[in-house]
Amino acid sequence: MFESYDDLVTIEDLCEMLGIGKNAAYELLRGKKIKTFHIGRAWKMPKKAVEEYIMINVNCQSSFTIYIFKTSQEKTPAKICGRTSVLFLFFL
């Protein structure tokens, strides 16, 4: 998938890859939906991170959301998948 793109893609590349505008792309990045980093003021992301984002969202057909916390004290969960209901799992 996306063989014509470099291993590190820009915000413009991301827009082309997903067929979205810059506002939607920046929203994905600010929401940490795609793994990214900065080089100066420029956002960069591994092409593989974009592919992973697509695969997770294409394969997500459930009507619930799964949040995983490493401890009961953790405040920021890892969202796995979903749309409507919420399931919280704690691993001790």
N, C-alpha and C. Protein backbone atom coordinates (compact mmCIF):
# COMPACT_ATOMS: atom_id res chain seq x y z
N MET A 1 0.84 -1.18 0.00
CA MET A 1 0.00 0.00 0.00
C MET A 1 0.89 1.25 0.00
N PHE A 2 0.61 2.21 -0.81
CA PHE A 2 1.31 3.50 -0.87
C PHE A 2 2.79 3.36 -1.22
N GLU A 3 3.12 2.50 -2.17
CA GLU A 3 4.51 2.27 -2.55
C GLU A 3 5.19 3.53 -3.09
N SER A 4 4.43 4.43 -3.68
CA SER A 4 5.03 5.62 -4.29
C SER A 4 5.44 6.69 -3.27
N TYR A 5 5.08 6.50 -2.00
CA TYR A 5 5.42 7.48 -0.96
C TYR A 5 6.71 7.07 -0.23
N ASP A 6 7.44 8.06 0.27
CA ASP A 6 8.62 7.80 1.07
C ASP A 6 8.22 7.15 2.39
N ASP A 7 9.21 6.61 3.11
CA ASP A 7 8.94 5.97 4.41
C ASP A 7 8.44 6.97 5.45
N LEU A 8 8.88 8.23 5.34
CA LEU A 8 8.36 9.31 6.19
C LEU A 8 7.50 10.21 5.30
N VAL A 9 6.26 10.45 5.71
CA VAL A 9 5.36 11.26 4.89
C VAL A 9 5.05 12.59 5.57
N THR A 10 4.67 13.56 4.77
CA THR A 10 4.33 14.91 5.25
C THR A 10 2.82 15.02 5.43
N ILE A 11 2.39 16.15 5.94
CA ILE A 11 0.95 16.41 6.09
C ILE A 11 0.26 16.42 4.72
N GLU A 12 0.95 16.94 3.71
CA GLU A 12 0.38 16.95 2.36
C GLU A 12 0.21 15.53 1.83
N ASP A 13 1.23 14.69 2.08
CA ASP A 13 1.14 13.28 1.68
C ASP A 13 -0.04 12.60 2.38
N LEU A 14 -0.17 12.86 3.67
CA LEU A 14 -1.26 12.26 4.45
C LEU A 14 -2.61 12.64 3.85
N CYS A 15 -2.76 13.90 3.50
CA CYS A 15 -4.01 14.36 2.88
C CYS A 15 -4.31 13.59 1.60
N GLU A 16 -3.29 13.41 0.77
CA GLU A 16 -3.45 12.65 -0.48
C GLU A 16 -3.79 11.19 -0.19
N MET A 17 -3.07 10.60 0.75
CA MET A 17 -3.24 9.18 1.06
C MET A 17 -4.65 8.87 1.55
N LEU A 18 -5.20 9.76 2.39
CA LEU A 18 -6.51 9.52 2.99
C LEU A 18 -7.64 10.24 2.27
N GLY A 19 -7.29 11.10 1.32
CA GLY A 19 -8.31 11.84 0.60
C GLY A 19 -9.06 12.82 1.50
N ILE A 20 -8.30 13.50 2.38
CA ILE A 20 -8.89 14.44 3.33
C ILE A 20 -8.21 15.79 3.19
N GLY A 21 -8.80 16.81 3.80
CA GLY A 21 -8.21 18.14 3.80
C GLY A 21 -7.24 18.30 4.95
N LYS A 22 -6.54 19.44 4.96
CA LYS A 22 -5.53 19.69 5.99
C LYS A 22 -6.15 19.79 7.38
N ASN A 23 -7.33 20.39 7.51
CA ASN A 23 -7.95 20.50 8.83
C ASN A 23 -8.23 19.13 9.42
N ALA A 24 -8.77 18.22 8.62
CA ALA A 24 -9.04 16.86 9.09
C ALA A 24 -7.74 16.14 9.42
N ALA A 25 -6.71 16.36 8.62
CA ALA A 25 -5.42 15.71 8.87
C ALA A 25 -4.82 16.19 10.19
N TYR A 26 -4.84 17.52 10.42
CA TYR A 26 -4.30 18.04 11.68
C TYR A 26 -5.11 17.56 12.87
N GLU A 27 -6.41 17.39 12.69
CA GLU A 27 -7.25 16.86 13.77
C GLU A 27 -6.83 15.43 14.13
N LEU A 28 -6.54 14.61 13.12
CA LEU A 28 -6.06 13.24 13.37
C LEU A 28 -4.73 13.27 14.13
N LEU A 29 -3.84 14.18 13.75
CA LEU A 29 -2.53 14.24 14.39
C LEU A 29 -2.63 14.78 15.82
N ARG A 30 -3.41 15.83 16.01
CA ARG A 30 -3.58 16.37 17.36
C ARG A 30 -4.27 15.38 18.28
N GLY A 31 -5.18 14.59 17.72
CA GLY A 31 -5.88 13.56 18.50
C GLY A 31 -5.07 12.29 18.68
N LYS A 32 -3.84 12.29 18.17
CA LYS A 32 -2.92 11.15 18.29
C LYS A 32 -3.52 9.87 17.70
N LYS A 33 -4.28 10.03 16.63
CA LYS A 33 -4.84 8.87 15.92
C LYS A 33 -3.79 8.20 15.05
N ILE A 34 -2.79 9.00 14.66
CA ILE A 34 -1.68 8.50 13.84
C ILE A 34 -0.39 8.89 14.55
N LYS A 35 0.53 7.95 14.68
CA LYS A 35 1.82 8.24 15.32
C LYS A 35 2.60 9.23 14.47
N THR A 36 3.09 10.28 15.11
CA THR A 36 3.77 11.34 14.38
C THR A 36 4.82 12.01 15.25
N PHE A 37 5.63 12.85 14.63
CA PHE A 37 6.62 13.63 15.36
C PHE A 37 6.90 14.89 14.56
N HIS A 38 7.61 15.82 15.16
CA HIS A 38 7.96 17.07 14.50
C HIS A 38 9.45 17.08 14.12
N ILE A 39 9.74 17.66 12.99
CA ILE A 39 11.10 18.05 12.63
C ILE A 39 10.99 19.55 12.42
N GLY A 40 11.45 20.31 13.39
CA GLY A 40 11.21 21.75 13.37
C GLY A 40 9.72 21.98 13.56
N ARG A 41 9.11 22.71 12.63
CA ARG A 41 7.67 22.96 12.68
C ARG A 41 6.89 21.97 11.82
N ALA A 42 7.60 21.13 11.08
CA ALA A 42 6.94 20.21 10.15
C ALA A 42 6.55 18.90 10.83
N TRP A 43 5.31 18.47 10.60
CA TRP A 43 4.85 17.17 11.08
C TRP A 43 5.39 16.10 10.13
N LYS A 44 5.86 15.02 10.69
CA LYS A 44 6.29 13.86 9.90
C LYS A 44 5.68 12.62 10.54
N MET A 45 5.37 11.64 9.71
CA MET A 45 4.84 10.39 10.23
C MET A 45 5.34 9.24 9.37
N PRO A 46 5.60 8.11 10.00
CA PRO A 46 5.99 6.95 9.20
C PRO A 46 4.82 6.50 8.32
N LYS A 47 5.13 6.14 7.11
CA LYS A 47 4.10 5.63 6.20
C LYS A 47 3.39 4.45 6.84
N LYS A 48 4.13 3.64 7.56
CA LYS A 48 3.56 2.47 8.23
C LYS A 48 2.48 2.88 9.24
N ALA A 49 2.66 4.02 9.92
CA ALA A 49 1.67 4.49 10.89
C ALA A 49 0.35 4.84 10.19
N VAL A 50 0.44 5.39 8.99
CA VAL A 50 -0.77 5.71 8.22
C VAL A 50 -1.45 4.41 7.80
N GLU A 51 -0.67 3.45 7.35
CA GLU A 51 -1.23 2.15 6.96
C GLU A 51 -1.90 1.47 8.15
N GLU A 52 -1.27 1.54 9.34
CA GLU A 52 -1.85 0.94 10.55
C GLU A 52 -3.17 1.63 10.91
N TYR A 53 -3.21 2.95 10.79
CA TYR A 53 -4.44 3.70 11.08
C TYR A 53 -5.57 3.22 10.16
N ILE A 54 -5.26 3.05 8.89
CA ILE A 54 -6.27 2.59 7.93
C ILE A 54 -6.74 1.19 8.29
N MET A 55 -5.82 0.29 8.56
CA MET A 55 -6.19 -1.10 8.87
C MET A 55 -7.04 -1.18 10.13
N ILE A 56 -6.69 -0.43 11.15
CA ILE A 56 -7.46 -0.44 12.40
C ILE A 56 -8.88 0.06 12.14
N ASN A 57 -9.01 1.13 11.38
CA ASN A 57 -10.33 1.71 11.16
C ASN A 57 -11.16 0.96 10.14
N VAL A 58 -10.53 0.29 9.19
CA VAL A 58 -11.27 -0.53 8.24
C VAL A 58 -11.77 -1.80 8.91
N ASN A 59 -10.95 -2.39 9.77
CA ASN A 59 -11.31 -3.64 10.43
C ASN A 59 -12.25 -3.44 11.61
N CYS A 60 -12.52 -2.22 11.99
CA CYS A 60 -13.34 -1.91 13.15
C CYS A 60 -14.80 -1.88 12.75
N GLN A 61 -15.49 -2.96 12.94
CA GLN A 61 -16.90 -3.05 12.59
C GLN A 61 -17.79 -3.18 13.81
N SER A 62 -17.23 -3.11 15.00
CA SER A 62 -18.00 -3.31 16.22
C SER A 62 -18.79 -2.07 16.59
N SER A 63 -19.75 -2.26 17.50
CA SER A 63 -20.56 -1.14 17.96
C SER A 63 -20.20 -0.77 19.40
N PHE A 64 -18.98 -1.07 19.81
CA PHE A 64 -18.52 -0.70 21.14
C PHE A 64 -17.09 -0.24 21.08
N THR A 65 -16.66 0.41 22.13
CA THR A 65 -15.30 0.92 22.22
C THR A 65 -14.58 0.20 23.35
N ILE A 66 -13.35 -0.18 23.12
CA ILE A 66 -12.55 -0.83 24.15
C ILE A 66 -11.44 0.12 24.56
N TYR A 67 -11.33 0.37 25.85
CA TYR A 67 -10.25 1.18 26.40
C TYR A 67 -9.40 0.27 27.27
N ILE A 68 -8.09 0.34 27.14
CA ILE A 68 -7.20 -0.49 27.94
C ILE A 68 -6.34 0.41 28.82
N PHE A 69 -6.33 0.12 30.12
CA PHE A 69 -5.50 0.82 31.08
C PHE A 69 -4.51 -0.18 31.66
N LYS A 70 -3.27 0.22 31.82
CA LYS A 70 -2.29 -0.66 32.44
C LYS A 70 -2.51 -0.77 33.94
N THR A 71 -2.97 0.31 34.55
CA THR A 71 -3.28 0.31 35.99
C THR A 71 -4.58 1.05 36.21
N SER A 72 -5.17 0.89 37.36
CA SER A 72 -6.41 1.58 37.66
C SER A 72 -6.17 3.07 37.87
N GLN A 73 -4.90 3.49 38.00
CA GLN A 73 -4.56 4.90 38.19
C GLN A 73 -4.36 5.64 36.87
N GLU A 74 -4.19 4.90 35.80
CA GLU A 74 -3.90 5.52 34.51
C GLU A 74 -5.09 6.33 34.02
N LYS A 75 -4.83 7.52 33.50
CA LYS A 75 -5.89 8.41 33.08
C LYS A 75 -6.08 8.45 31.57
N THR A 76 -5.06 8.06 30.82
CA THR A 76 -5.15 8.10 29.36
C THR A 76 -5.17 6.67 28.81
N PRO A 77 -6.32 6.21 28.37
CA PRO A 77 -6.41 4.84 27.86
C PRO A 77 -5.95 4.74 26.42
N ALA A 78 -5.73 3.51 25.99
CA ALA A 78 -5.49 3.24 24.58
C ALA A 78 -6.83 2.82 23.99
N LYS A 79 -7.35 3.59 23.05
CA LYS A 79 -8.63 3.25 22.43
C LYS A 79 -8.36 2.24 21.33
N ILE A 80 -9.05 1.15 21.37
CA ILE A 80 -8.82 0.09 20.40
C ILE A 80 -9.74 0.24 19.20
N CYS A 81 -11.03 0.37 19.43
CA CYS A 81 -11.95 0.31 18.32
C CYS A 81 -13.35 0.71 18.79
N GLY A 82 -14.19 1.19 17.93
CA GLY A 82 -15.57 1.30 18.31
C GLY A 82 -16.30 2.56 17.96
N ARG A 83 -17.58 2.58 18.37
CA ARG A 83 -18.44 3.69 18.01
C ARG A 83 -19.41 4.11 19.11
N THR A 84 -20.07 3.20 19.82
CA THR A 84 -21.17 3.60 20.69
C THR A 84 -20.93 3.33 22.17
N SER A 85 -21.03 2.10 22.60
CA SER A 85 -20.87 1.75 24.01
C SER A 85 -19.40 1.72 24.39
N VAL A 86 -19.13 1.67 25.69
CA VAL A 86 -17.75 1.69 26.17
C VAL A 86 -17.52 0.54 27.12
N LEU A 87 -16.39 -0.14 26.98
CA LEU A 87 -15.97 -1.23 27.86
C LEU A 87 -14.61 -0.84 28.40
N PHE A 88 -14.44 -0.86 29.73
CA PHE A 88 -13.15 -0.56 30.34
C PHE A 88 -12.53 -1.85 30.87
N LEU A 89 -11.27 -2.08 30.55
CA LEU A 89 -10.53 -3.24 31.05
C LEU A 89 -9.35 -2.77 31.84
N PHE A 90 -9.13 -3.34 33.01
CA PHE A 90 -7.98 -3.01 33.84
C PHE A 90 -7.17 -4.28 34.03
N PHE A 91 -5.88 -4.22 33.76
CA PHE A 91 -4.99 -5.35 33.97
C PHE A 91 -4.11 -5.06 35.17
N LEU A 92 -4.14 -5.91 36.15
CA LEU A 92 -3.33 -5.69 37.36
C LEU A 92 -2.15 -6.62 37.39
